[in-house]
Amino acid sequence: MTNLDLHCDFSFDEWSELSFEDKREVWNHYWDPYEPDKGKSTRQAIINAFCKAYPEIVSSALEIGYGYFGWYVGCIYVIIDGSIRVPMNFSDIMINKGIVINKVSEDTVHVKWRSVGGSDKKFKLNTRETFQPKGPADAAGPRR
C-alpha cells in the first residue's frame, strides 16, 4: 500500500490486517489531534473491539477513549478507580492506564498515568474522544 492508500478510515478487520509499519504510518501521519475527524471511525472501531475483548475493564472503567499525550503521541486510555489489569497495548496501539488518586470534582479526577513517565495530572472526564459503553451488553457500540 502507498502512504496515500493508508490515509483513510478502516474497519477493525481491515486495521487488523495492516502491518505494524502501515499502522504506524496511519497514526503518525494521518491521525491528527488538530483534525480529530481524520481516522475517527477507525479509532472508534478499535475502541469497540477493545471493549468487546475486555468487558471486565469496561465495567470497571470511568472512561475509555483515544487521546494524545505529549507531542502527537496517541494512545488508548483507560481511567479506573480501583485495581484491574489493563494490557499494555491493543491491536498495536499503546494503552495508557490511569488510576484515580482522588476525585477533584464531579467531572474531574486526579490521575496517575502508567505511561508518560508515571506522571499525575488532573483529568476532566467526558471532554475527549470517548467511546465508553456502560457495561458488557453495550460493548458493541460506541458512546460519545
Protein backbone atom coordinates (compact mmCIF):
# COMPACT_ATOMS: atom_id res chain seq x y z
CA MET A 1 0.00 0.00 0.00
CA THR A 2 1.13 3.53 -0.65
CA ASN A 3 1.01 6.11 2.10
CA LEU A 4 -1.93 7.79 0.39
CA ASP A 5 -3.84 4.48 0.42
CA LEU A 6 -3.33 4.41 4.19
CA HIS A 7 -4.72 7.90 4.77
CA CYS A 8 -8.31 6.79 5.12
CA ASP A 9 -10.63 5.05 7.56
CA PHE A 10 -10.62 1.30 8.16
CA SER A 11 -12.93 -1.24 9.73
CA PHE A 12 -11.37 -3.12 12.65
CA ASP A 13 -10.86 -6.19 10.46
CA GLU A 14 -9.07 -4.08 7.83
CA TRP A 15 -6.98 -2.40 10.55
CA SER A 16 -6.02 -5.79 11.99
CA GLU A 17 -4.67 -6.91 8.62
CA LEU A 18 -2.31 -3.93 8.31
CA SER A 19 1.35 -4.40 9.18
CA PHE A 20 2.73 -2.59 12.22
CA GLU A 21 4.61 -0.26 9.86
CA ASP A 22 1.41 0.65 8.00
CA LYS A 23 -0.45 1.24 11.26
CA ARG A 24 2.39 3.50 12.42
CA GLU A 25 2.11 5.45 9.17
CA VAL A 26 -1.60 5.98 9.85
CA TRP A 27 -1.28 7.13 13.47
CA ASN A 28 1.85 9.23 12.83
CA HIS A 29 0.89 10.88 9.55
CA TYR A 30 -2.89 10.72 9.13
CA TRP A 31 -4.48 10.91 12.57
CA ASP A 32 -4.13 14.41 13.92
CA PRO A 33 -5.28 15.89 17.25
CA TYR A 34 -5.97 19.19 15.44
CA GLU A 35 -8.17 17.44 12.85
CA PRO A 36 -9.98 14.88 15.02
CA ASP A 37 -12.36 13.69 12.28
CA LYS A 38 -9.46 12.13 10.37
CA GLY A 39 -9.48 8.47 11.32
CA LYS A 40 -12.26 8.87 13.86
CA SER A 41 -14.28 5.89 12.64
CA THR A 42 -11.14 3.72 12.67
CA ARG A 43 -10.33 4.71 16.24
CA GLN A 44 -13.96 4.10 17.15
CA ALA A 45 -13.80 0.61 15.61
CA ILE A 46 -10.61 -0.14 17.55
CA ILE A 47 -12.14 1.04 20.84
CA ASN A 48 -15.28 -1.03 20.10
CA ALA A 49 -13.13 -4.13 19.58
CA PHE A 50 -11.16 -3.37 22.76
CA CYS A 51 -14.40 -3.04 24.76
CA LYS A 52 -15.75 -6.26 23.32
CA ALA A 53 -12.50 -8.10 24.13
CA TYR A 54 -12.27 -6.76 27.71
CA PRO A 55 -15.77 -6.42 29.22
CA GLU A 56 -14.31 -6.65 32.74
CA ILE A 57 -12.27 -3.49 32.07
CA VAL A 58 -15.28 -1.73 30.53
CA SER A 59 -17.41 -2.43 33.59
CA SER A 60 -14.71 -1.00 35.90
CA ALA A 61 -13.55 2.00 33.86
CA LEU A 62 -14.64 5.57 34.46
CA GLU A 63 -13.64 6.43 30.90
CA ILE A 64 -12.11 4.74 27.87
CA GLY A 65 -11.07 6.68 24.81
CA TYR A 66 -8.36 7.68 22.42
CA GLY A 67 -6.26 10.64 23.42
CA TYR A 68 -2.99 12.41 22.77
CA PHE A 69 -0.31 12.64 25.43
CA GLY A 70 2.68 14.77 24.59
CA TRP A 71 3.56 15.87 21.10
CA TYR A 72 1.19 13.93 18.82
CA VAL A 73 1.62 10.70 20.82
CA GLY A 74 -1.74 8.99 20.58
CA CYS A 75 -2.98 6.06 22.60
CA ILE A 76 -6.00 4.31 24.00
CA TYR A 77 -6.52 5.47 27.56
CA VAL A 78 -8.39 3.72 30.35
CA ILE A 79 -9.19 5.53 33.60
CA ILE A 80 -10.04 3.29 36.52
CA ASP A 81 -10.83 3.87 40.17
CA GLY A 82 -9.54 0.69 41.73
CA SER A 83 -7.38 -2.22 40.73
CA ILE A 84 -7.78 -4.13 37.48
CA ARG A 85 -5.21 -5.38 35.00
CA VAL A 86 -5.13 -3.43 31.74
CA PRO A 87 -2.98 -4.63 28.83
CA MET A 88 -0.06 -2.51 27.60
CA ASN A 89 -1.38 -2.39 24.04
CA PHE A 90 -4.24 -3.46 21.85
CA SER A 91 -4.00 -4.01 18.09
CA ASP A 92 -0.53 -2.44 18.19
CA ILE A 93 -1.75 0.76 19.87
CA MET A 94 -0.32 1.66 23.26
CA ILE A 95 -2.74 1.73 26.19
CA ASN A 96 -2.17 4.30 28.92
CA LYS A 97 -3.81 3.19 32.17
CA GLY A 98 -4.76 5.95 34.58
CA ILE A 99 -5.53 5.21 38.21
CA VAL A 100 -7.63 7.74 40.09
CA ILE A 101 -5.73 9.20 43.03
CA ASN A 102 -8.68 11.29 44.16
CA LYS A 103 -11.82 12.92 42.85
CA VAL A 104 -11.35 16.69 42.48
CA SER A 105 -14.93 17.48 41.45
CA GLU A 106 -17.94 15.78 39.88
CA ASP A 107 -16.26 15.71 36.46
CA THR A 108 -12.54 15.99 37.31
CA VAL A 109 -10.23 13.34 38.74
CA HIS A 110 -6.58 13.40 39.75
CA VAL A 111 -4.99 10.52 37.80
CA LYS A 112 -1.62 8.78 37.96
CA TRP A 113 -0.68 7.52 34.50
CA ARG A 114 1.19 4.27 33.89
CA SER A 115 2.89 5.61 30.77
CA VAL A 116 4.22 9.12 30.19
CA GLY A 117 6.73 8.62 32.99
CA GLY A 118 4.11 7.84 35.61
CA SER A 119 3.06 11.47 35.76
CA ASP A 120 -0.02 12.52 37.65
CA LYS A 121 -2.45 15.07 36.26
CA LYS A 122 -5.93 16.39 36.73
CA PHE A 123 -8.21 14.93 34.07
CA LYS A 124 -11.60 16.32 33.12
CA LEU A 125 -13.91 13.41 32.28
CA ASN A 126 -16.08 13.27 29.14
CA THR A 127 -14.26 16.02 27.26
CA ARG A 128 -12.24 13.89 24.83
CA GLU A 129 -12.99 11.39 22.10
CA THR A 130 -14.55 8.76 24.33
CA PHE A 131 -16.37 5.58 23.47
CA GLN A 132 -17.40 4.33 26.88
CA PRO A 133 -20.04 1.63 26.97
CA LYS A 134 -21.83 1.33 30.30
CA GLY A 135 -21.28 -2.41 30.55
CA PRO A 136 -20.57 -5.61 28.63
CA ALA A 137 -24.01 -5.60 26.98
CA ASP A 138 -23.22 -2.24 25.38
CA ALA A 139 -19.65 -3.15 24.35
CA ALA A 140 -20.56 -3.46 20.68
CA GLY A 141 -21.40 0.20 20.24
CA PRO A 142 -19.55 3.45 20.96
CA ARG A 143 -20.92 6.29 23.04
CA ARG A 144 -19.78 9.89 22.78
